[in-house]
Every structure is written in C-alpha cells, then in structure tokens.
N, C-alpha and C. Protein backbone atom coordinates (compact mmCIF):
# COMPACT_ATOMS: atom_id res chain seq x y z
N MET A 1 0.86 -1.18 0.00
CA MET A 1 0.00 0.00 0.00
C MET A 1 0.90 1.23 0.00
N ASN A 2 0.59 2.16 -0.88
CA ASN A 2 1.47 3.32 -0.97
C ASN A 2 1.19 4.30 0.18
N LEU A 3 2.13 5.18 0.39
CA LEU A 3 2.09 6.11 1.52
C LEU A 3 0.87 7.04 1.47
N LEU A 4 0.55 7.55 0.29
CA LEU A 4 -0.59 8.46 0.16
C LEU A 4 -1.89 7.77 0.55
N LEU A 5 -2.07 6.54 0.13
CA LEU A 5 -3.26 5.79 0.49
C LEU A 5 -3.33 5.54 2.00
N LYS A 6 -2.20 5.22 2.61
CA LYS A 6 -2.15 5.03 4.06
C LYS A 6 -2.52 6.32 4.80
N GLN A 7 -2.00 7.44 4.33
CA GLN A 7 -2.30 8.73 4.96
C GLN A 7 -3.79 9.06 4.84
N GLN A 8 -4.36 8.83 3.66
CA GLN A 8 -5.78 9.11 3.46
C GLN A 8 -6.65 8.22 4.34
N MET A 9 -6.27 6.96 4.47
CA MET A 9 -7.00 6.02 5.31
C MET A 9 -6.94 6.47 6.77
N LEU A 10 -5.77 6.87 7.23
CA LEU A 10 -5.61 7.35 8.60
C LEU A 10 -6.46 8.59 8.86
N LEU A 11 -6.47 9.52 7.92
CA LEU A 11 -7.27 10.74 8.07
C LEU A 11 -8.77 10.41 8.13
N MET A 12 -9.21 9.45 7.32
CA MET A 12 -10.61 9.06 7.33
C MET A 12 -10.98 8.41 8.67
N ILE A 13 -10.13 7.55 9.17
CA ILE A 13 -10.38 6.89 10.46
C ILE A 13 -10.42 7.92 11.58
N ARG A 14 -9.49 8.86 11.57
CA ARG A 14 -9.47 9.90 12.60
C ARG A 14 -10.71 10.77 12.54
N ALA A 15 -11.15 11.12 11.34
CA ALA A 15 -12.35 11.95 11.19
C ALA A 15 -13.57 11.22 11.74
N LEU A 16 -13.70 9.94 11.43
CA LEU A 16 -14.83 9.16 11.95
C LEU A 16 -14.76 9.06 13.47
N TYR A 17 -13.56 8.85 13.99
CA TYR A 17 -13.38 8.77 15.44
C TYR A 17 -13.82 10.07 16.12
N PHE A 18 -13.38 11.22 15.59
CA PHE A 18 -13.73 12.49 16.21
C PHE A 18 -15.23 12.76 16.12
N CYS A 19 -15.84 12.38 15.01
CA CYS A 19 -17.28 12.53 14.86
C CYS A 19 -18.00 11.70 15.93
N MET A 20 -17.58 10.47 16.09
CA MET A 20 -18.20 9.59 17.08
C MET A 20 -17.94 10.09 18.49
N GLU A 21 -16.74 10.53 18.76
CA GLU A 21 -16.39 11.02 20.09
C GLU A 21 -17.25 12.22 20.46
N ASN A 22 -17.48 13.11 19.52
CA ASN A 22 -18.34 14.27 19.79
C ASN A 22 -19.76 13.84 20.10
N LYS A 23 -20.29 12.89 19.35
CA LYS A 23 -21.65 12.39 19.60
C LYS A 23 -21.73 11.71 20.97
N TRP A 24 -20.75 10.86 21.29
CA TRP A 24 -20.74 10.18 22.59
C TRP A 24 -20.63 11.20 23.72
N SER A 25 -19.92 12.26 23.47
CA SER A 25 -19.78 13.31 24.48
C SER A 25 -21.12 14.01 24.72
N GLU A 26 -21.84 14.30 23.64
CA GLU A 26 -23.16 14.91 23.77
C GLU A 26 -24.11 13.99 24.55
N ILE A 27 -24.09 12.72 24.20
CA ILE A 27 -24.93 11.75 24.91
C ILE A 27 -24.51 11.66 26.37
N GLY A 28 -23.20 11.68 26.61
CA GLY A 28 -22.67 11.60 27.97
C GLY A 28 -23.14 12.74 28.84
N LYS A 29 -23.20 13.93 28.27
CA LYS A 29 -23.68 15.09 29.04
C LYS A 29 -25.14 14.90 29.43
N GLU A 30 -25.91 14.34 28.52
CA GLU A 30 -27.33 14.10 28.79
C GLU A 30 -27.51 13.09 29.94
N PHE A 31 -26.63 12.08 30.00
CA PHE A 31 -26.77 11.02 30.99
C PHE A 31 -25.74 11.10 32.12
N ASN A 32 -24.92 12.15 32.12
CA ASN A 32 -23.92 12.36 33.16
C ASN A 32 -22.93 11.20 33.27
N ILE A 33 -22.38 10.81 32.12
CA ILE A 33 -21.39 9.74 32.09
C ILE A 33 -20.47 10.00 30.88
N SER A 34 -19.17 10.00 31.13
CA SER A 34 -18.20 10.35 30.08
C SER A 34 -18.14 9.26 29.00
N PRO A 35 -17.64 9.63 27.81
CA PRO A 35 -17.47 8.62 26.77
C PRO A 35 -16.58 7.45 27.21
N ALA A 36 -15.55 7.73 27.96
CA ALA A 36 -14.66 6.66 28.44
C ALA A 36 -15.41 5.73 29.40
N GLN A 37 -16.22 6.30 30.27
CA GLN A 37 -17.01 5.48 31.19
C GLN A 37 -18.04 4.66 30.43
N GLN A 38 -18.64 5.27 29.41
CA GLN A 38 -19.58 4.54 28.56
C GLN A 38 -18.86 3.35 27.91
N HIS A 39 -17.65 3.59 27.47
CA HIS A 39 -16.88 2.55 26.80
C HIS A 39 -16.60 1.38 27.75
N ILE A 40 -16.31 1.67 28.98
CA ILE A 40 -16.07 0.60 29.96
C ILE A 40 -17.33 -0.24 30.15
N LEU A 41 -18.49 0.41 30.26
CA LEU A 41 -19.73 -0.35 30.39
C LEU A 41 -19.95 -1.23 29.16
N PHE A 42 -19.67 -0.68 27.98
CA PHE A 42 -19.81 -1.46 26.75
C PHE A 42 -18.83 -2.64 26.75
N LEU A 43 -17.59 -2.41 27.15
CA LEU A 43 -16.60 -3.49 27.20
C LEU A 43 -17.06 -4.61 28.14
N LEU A 44 -17.59 -4.22 29.28
CA LEU A 44 -18.08 -5.23 30.23
C LEU A 44 -19.25 -6.01 29.62
N SER A 45 -20.15 -5.32 28.95
CA SER A 45 -21.32 -5.99 28.38
C SER A 45 -20.95 -6.97 27.28
N THR A 46 -19.84 -6.74 26.61
CA THR A 46 -19.43 -7.63 25.52
C THR A 46 -18.39 -8.66 25.96
N ASN A 47 -18.09 -8.69 27.25
CA ASN A 47 -17.10 -9.64 27.77
C ASN A 47 -17.63 -10.38 29.00
N ASN A 48 -18.86 -10.86 28.91
CA ASN A 48 -19.49 -11.64 29.99
C ASN A 48 -19.52 -10.90 31.32
N ASN A 49 -19.53 -9.59 31.27
CA ASN A 49 -19.64 -8.74 32.46
C ASN A 49 -18.54 -8.98 33.49
N GLU A 50 -17.38 -9.40 33.06
CA GLU A 50 -16.24 -9.57 33.97
C GLU A 50 -14.95 -9.28 33.23
N LEU A 51 -14.22 -8.32 33.74
CA LEU A 51 -12.90 -8.00 33.21
C LEU A 51 -12.00 -7.55 34.35
N THR A 52 -10.72 -7.75 34.17
CA THR A 52 -9.76 -7.20 35.12
C THR A 52 -9.47 -5.76 34.70
N PRO A 53 -9.03 -4.94 35.64
CA PRO A 53 -8.63 -3.58 35.25
C PRO A 53 -7.54 -3.58 34.17
N THR A 54 -6.64 -4.54 34.23
CA THR A 54 -5.57 -4.63 33.22
C THR A 54 -6.16 -4.87 31.84
N LYS A 55 -7.12 -5.78 31.74
CA LYS A 55 -7.75 -6.09 30.45
C LYS A 55 -8.56 -4.89 29.95
N ILE A 56 -9.22 -4.18 30.86
CA ILE A 56 -9.95 -2.97 30.48
C ILE A 56 -8.98 -1.96 29.88
N GLY A 57 -7.82 -1.81 30.49
CA GLY A 57 -6.80 -0.90 29.97
C GLY A 57 -6.32 -1.31 28.58
N GLU A 58 -6.13 -2.60 28.38
CA GLU A 58 -5.70 -3.10 27.07
C GLU A 58 -6.76 -2.83 26.01
N LEU A 59 -8.01 -3.17 26.33
CA LEU A 59 -9.10 -3.01 25.37
C LEU A 59 -9.42 -1.54 25.09
N GLY A 60 -9.26 -0.69 26.10
CA GLY A 60 -9.56 0.73 25.94
C GLY A 60 -8.37 1.57 25.55
N CYS A 61 -7.19 0.95 25.48
CA CYS A 61 -5.94 1.66 25.17
C CYS A 61 -5.68 2.77 26.18
N TRP A 62 -5.83 2.44 27.47
CA TRP A 62 -5.63 3.40 28.54
C TRP A 62 -4.46 2.99 29.43
N HIS A 63 -3.83 3.97 30.03
CA HIS A 63 -2.79 3.76 31.04
C HIS A 63 -3.47 3.23 32.30
N PRO A 64 -2.79 2.38 33.08
CA PRO A 64 -3.40 1.85 34.31
C PRO A 64 -3.95 2.93 35.26
N SER A 65 -3.28 4.07 35.34
CA SER A 65 -3.78 5.12 36.23
C SER A 65 -5.10 5.71 35.71
N THR A 66 -5.24 5.76 34.40
CA THR A 66 -6.50 6.23 33.81
C THR A 66 -7.62 5.25 34.11
N VAL A 67 -7.33 3.96 33.98
CA VAL A 67 -8.33 2.93 34.28
C VAL A 67 -8.77 3.05 35.74
N THR A 68 -7.83 3.20 36.63
CA THR A 68 -8.15 3.33 38.06
C THR A 68 -9.06 4.53 38.31
N ARG A 69 -8.74 5.65 37.71
CA ARG A 69 -9.56 6.86 37.87
C ARG A 69 -10.97 6.65 37.33
N LEU A 70 -11.07 6.05 36.14
CA LEU A 70 -12.38 5.80 35.54
C LEU A 70 -13.21 4.82 36.38
N LEU A 71 -12.55 3.78 36.87
CA LEU A 71 -13.27 2.79 37.66
C LEU A 71 -13.77 3.37 38.98
N LYS A 72 -12.96 4.22 39.59
CA LYS A 72 -13.39 4.85 40.86
C LYS A 72 -14.66 5.67 40.65
N ARG A 73 -14.71 6.43 39.55
CA ARG A 73 -15.90 7.24 39.29
C ARG A 73 -17.11 6.38 38.99
N LEU A 74 -16.92 5.30 38.23
CA LEU A 74 -18.04 4.39 37.94
C LEU A 74 -18.51 3.67 39.19
N GLU A 75 -17.56 3.31 40.06
CA GLU A 75 -17.91 2.64 41.31
C GLU A 75 -18.66 3.60 42.24
N LYS A 76 -18.22 4.84 42.29
CA LYS A 76 -18.88 5.85 43.12
C LYS A 76 -20.32 6.08 42.64
N SER A 77 -20.53 6.00 41.32
CA SER A 77 -21.86 6.14 40.76
C SER A 77 -22.68 4.85 40.87
N ARG A 78 -22.07 3.82 41.39
CA ARG A 78 -22.69 2.50 41.58
C ARG A 78 -23.06 1.81 40.28
N PHE A 79 -22.26 2.08 39.22
CA PHE A 79 -22.48 1.43 37.93
C PHE A 79 -21.66 0.15 37.79
N ILE A 80 -20.60 0.04 38.60
CA ILE A 80 -19.76 -1.16 38.57
C ILE A 80 -19.47 -1.61 39.99
N LEU A 81 -19.00 -2.84 40.07
CA LEU A 81 -18.55 -3.41 41.33
C LEU A 81 -17.13 -3.94 41.08
N VAL A 82 -16.21 -3.60 41.96
CA VAL A 82 -14.84 -4.09 41.85
C VAL A 82 -14.59 -5.01 43.03
N LYS A 83 -14.35 -6.29 42.71
CA LYS A 83 -14.13 -7.30 43.75
C LYS A 83 -12.75 -7.92 43.61
N THR A 84 -12.27 -8.46 44.70
CA THR A 84 -11.01 -9.19 44.69
C THR A 84 -11.27 -10.57 44.10
N ASN A 85 -10.38 -11.01 43.22
CA ASN A 85 -10.48 -12.34 42.63
C ASN A 85 -10.23 -13.38 43.72
N LYS A 86 -11.17 -14.31 43.88
CA LYS A 86 -11.06 -15.33 44.93
C LYS A 86 -9.86 -16.23 44.73
N ASN A 87 -9.52 -16.53 43.49
CA ASN A 87 -8.41 -17.43 43.20
C ASN A 87 -7.05 -16.74 43.26
N GLN A 88 -7.04 -15.44 42.98
CA GLN A 88 -5.79 -14.68 42.99
C GLN A 88 -6.05 -13.36 43.70
N PRO A 89 -5.87 -13.32 45.01
CA PRO A 89 -6.22 -12.12 45.80
C PRO A 89 -5.57 -10.81 45.35
N ARG A 90 -4.47 -10.89 44.61
CA ARG A 90 -3.82 -9.65 44.14
C ARG A 90 -4.58 -9.00 42.99
N PHE A 91 -5.47 -9.76 42.37
CA PHE A 91 -6.16 -9.27 41.18
C PHE A 91 -7.61 -8.91 41.48
N LYS A 92 -8.10 -7.94 40.74
CA LYS A 92 -9.47 -7.46 40.90
C LYS A 92 -10.30 -7.91 39.68
N ILE A 93 -11.60 -8.03 39.92
CA ILE A 93 -12.55 -8.33 38.86
C ILE A 93 -13.59 -7.21 38.85
N VAL A 94 -13.84 -6.65 37.69
CA VAL A 94 -14.80 -5.56 37.53
C VAL A 94 -16.05 -6.14 36.85
N SER A 95 -17.21 -5.80 37.39
CA SER A 95 -18.47 -6.21 36.77
C SER A 95 -19.46 -5.06 36.87
N MET A 96 -20.46 -5.10 36.00
CA MET A 96 -21.50 -4.07 35.99
C MET A 96 -22.58 -4.42 37.00
N THR A 97 -23.07 -3.42 37.69
CA THR A 97 -24.21 -3.60 38.59
C THR A 97 -25.50 -3.48 37.76
N ASN A 98 -26.63 -3.72 38.39
CA ASN A 98 -27.90 -3.53 37.70
C ASN A 98 -28.07 -2.08 37.26
N ALA A 99 -27.62 -1.15 38.10
CA ALA A 99 -27.70 0.27 37.75
C ALA A 99 -26.83 0.56 36.51
N GLY A 100 -25.67 -0.08 36.43
CA GLY A 100 -24.80 0.08 35.27
C GLY A 100 -25.44 -0.49 34.01
N LYS A 101 -26.09 -1.63 34.16
CA LYS A 101 -26.77 -2.24 33.01
C LYS A 101 -27.92 -1.35 32.54
N GLU A 102 -28.64 -0.78 33.49
CA GLU A 102 -29.73 0.14 33.14
C GLU A 102 -29.20 1.38 32.43
N LYS A 103 -28.09 1.92 32.92
CA LYS A 103 -27.49 3.10 32.30
C LYS A 103 -27.05 2.78 30.87
N LEU A 104 -26.41 1.63 30.70
CA LEU A 104 -25.97 1.23 29.36
C LEU A 104 -27.18 1.06 28.44
N GLU A 105 -28.23 0.48 28.94
CA GLU A 105 -29.45 0.29 28.14
C GLU A 105 -30.04 1.64 27.72
N GLN A 106 -30.02 2.61 28.63
CA GLN A 106 -30.51 3.96 28.29
C GLN A 106 -29.65 4.58 27.18
N LEU A 107 -28.35 4.42 27.30
CA LEU A 107 -27.43 4.96 26.30
C LEU A 107 -27.69 4.31 24.93
N LEU A 108 -27.82 2.99 24.94
CA LEU A 108 -28.04 2.28 23.68
C LEU A 108 -29.39 2.62 23.07
N ASP A 109 -30.40 2.79 23.90
CA ASP A 109 -31.72 3.19 23.40
C ASP A 109 -31.66 4.55 22.72
N THR A 110 -30.89 5.45 23.30
CA THR A 110 -30.73 6.78 22.72
C THR A 110 -30.03 6.71 21.37
N VAL A 111 -28.97 5.91 21.29
CA VAL A 111 -28.21 5.78 20.05
C VAL A 111 -29.06 5.12 18.96
N LYS A 112 -29.88 4.15 19.35
CA LYS A 112 -30.73 3.47 18.36
C LYS A 112 -31.68 4.45 17.67
N LEU A 113 -32.09 5.48 18.37
CA LEU A 113 -33.02 6.45 17.81
C LEU A 113 -32.35 7.47 16.89
N MET A 114 -31.03 7.51 16.92
CA MET A 114 -30.28 8.49 16.13
C MET A 114 -29.92 7.88 14.77
N GLU A 115 -30.73 8.14 13.76
CA GLU A 115 -30.52 7.54 12.44
C GLU A 115 -29.18 7.88 11.83
N GLN A 116 -28.64 9.02 12.16
CA GLN A 116 -27.40 9.44 11.52
C GLN A 116 -26.18 9.30 12.43
N PHE A 117 -26.26 8.39 13.40
CA PHE A 117 -25.11 8.20 14.29
C PHE A 117 -24.39 6.94 13.90
N PRO A 118 -23.10 6.94 13.73
CA PRO A 118 -22.19 8.07 13.80
C PRO A 118 -22.21 8.90 12.53
N LEU A 119 -22.80 8.37 11.46
CA LEU A 119 -22.97 9.13 10.24
C LEU A 119 -24.17 8.54 9.52
N ASP A 120 -24.63 9.20 8.50
CA ASP A 120 -25.82 8.75 7.79
C ASP A 120 -25.52 7.47 7.02
N MET A 121 -26.04 6.33 7.49
CA MET A 121 -25.79 5.05 6.85
C MET A 121 -27.09 4.41 6.36
N ARG A 122 -28.16 5.19 6.28
CA ARG A 122 -29.44 4.63 5.87
C ARG A 122 -29.38 3.96 4.50
N HIS A 123 -28.60 4.53 3.60
CA HIS A 123 -28.52 3.97 2.25
C HIS A 123 -27.90 2.57 2.25
N LEU A 124 -27.12 2.24 3.25
CA LEU A 124 -26.49 0.92 3.29
C LEU A 124 -27.50 -0.19 3.44
N SER A 125 -28.60 0.08 4.14
CA SER A 125 -29.61 -0.95 4.33
C SER A 125 -30.34 -1.28 3.03
N GLU A 126 -30.22 -0.42 2.04
CA GLU A 126 -30.88 -0.62 0.76
C GLU A 126 -30.00 -1.36 -0.23
N MET A 127 -28.75 -1.54 0.10
CA MET A 127 -27.82 -2.20 -0.81
C MET A 127 -28.08 -3.70 -0.82
N ARG A 128 -27.81 -4.30 -1.94
CA ARG A 128 -27.92 -5.75 -2.07
C ARG A 128 -26.51 -6.32 -2.21
N PHE A 129 -26.26 -7.38 -1.46
CA PHE A 129 -24.97 -8.02 -1.54
C PHE A 129 -25.17 -9.40 -2.16
N TYR A 130 -24.32 -9.73 -3.07
CA TYR A 130 -24.43 -11.01 -3.76
C TYR A 130 -23.19 -11.82 -3.50
N VAL A 131 -23.40 -13.12 -3.30
CA VAL A 131 -22.28 -14.04 -3.12
C VAL A 131 -22.10 -14.80 -4.41
N PHE A 132 -20.91 -14.82 -4.92
CA PHE A 132 -20.64 -15.54 -6.19
C PHE A 132 -19.98 -16.84 -5.90
C-alpha cells in the first residue's frame, strides 16, 4: 500500500473517530457519564460482564492510572462493582451492577433512535450483496 493511500485512510479513520467522540460526548452530558465510562460499560457488556482492570486498559488503550480513575468514578456512581479475585487475591474483577446495566441500556436506546449516528448510513440498508 502506498504512503498516500495510508495517509488518506488514517485521516478518514481519525475523522470518523472524532465525529463519534463528539456524539458520545453529547450523549454523555445528557446522561452524566463520560465517553470513556460509557466505553467501559460497553466493554463489560461484551465480555461476559467480567474483566480485570488490566484487560480494560488493554481493550480501551488506557494507562493503568487512567483505568483506576475511571473505575473509581463508575464505582462511586454505583455502575460497577470491583471485587477481589477469589483465586488470585492480588487481582481485581470488575463487573457491571444492575444500575450500570440500566445506564448502558438507556445509552443504547438513545443511540438506536439516532438515524445518523455516527454518520448517515441509511442507504447501506438498501444495498444488495451477492455471493458468487
């Protein structure tokens, strides 16, 4: 792949990311939860509702101190529970509480109603794909 194509691809990905980040930020203000906190709830929901802080950091591309700060705020809001791993006491397990699941459901319900989030993709549902 030539350099110009790589640069254009990177710019397109960054533009989509910033568009999505702005939308998640707007939604976050409405529900009083940051995009990063929303992302943690989503990560938990897609990983059997159990992750270690280390794994959350890997999946979210965050420094361990950032994960700790985010988890403390989510725990204070009672959206997550952080427990000590019974098999390995040095390790913690993070899971979503019922309140966290409800908050995530509210966020997802809001996004479902936004036809143009993260961008207008309505035309894609009209496309036909053929397998040869």
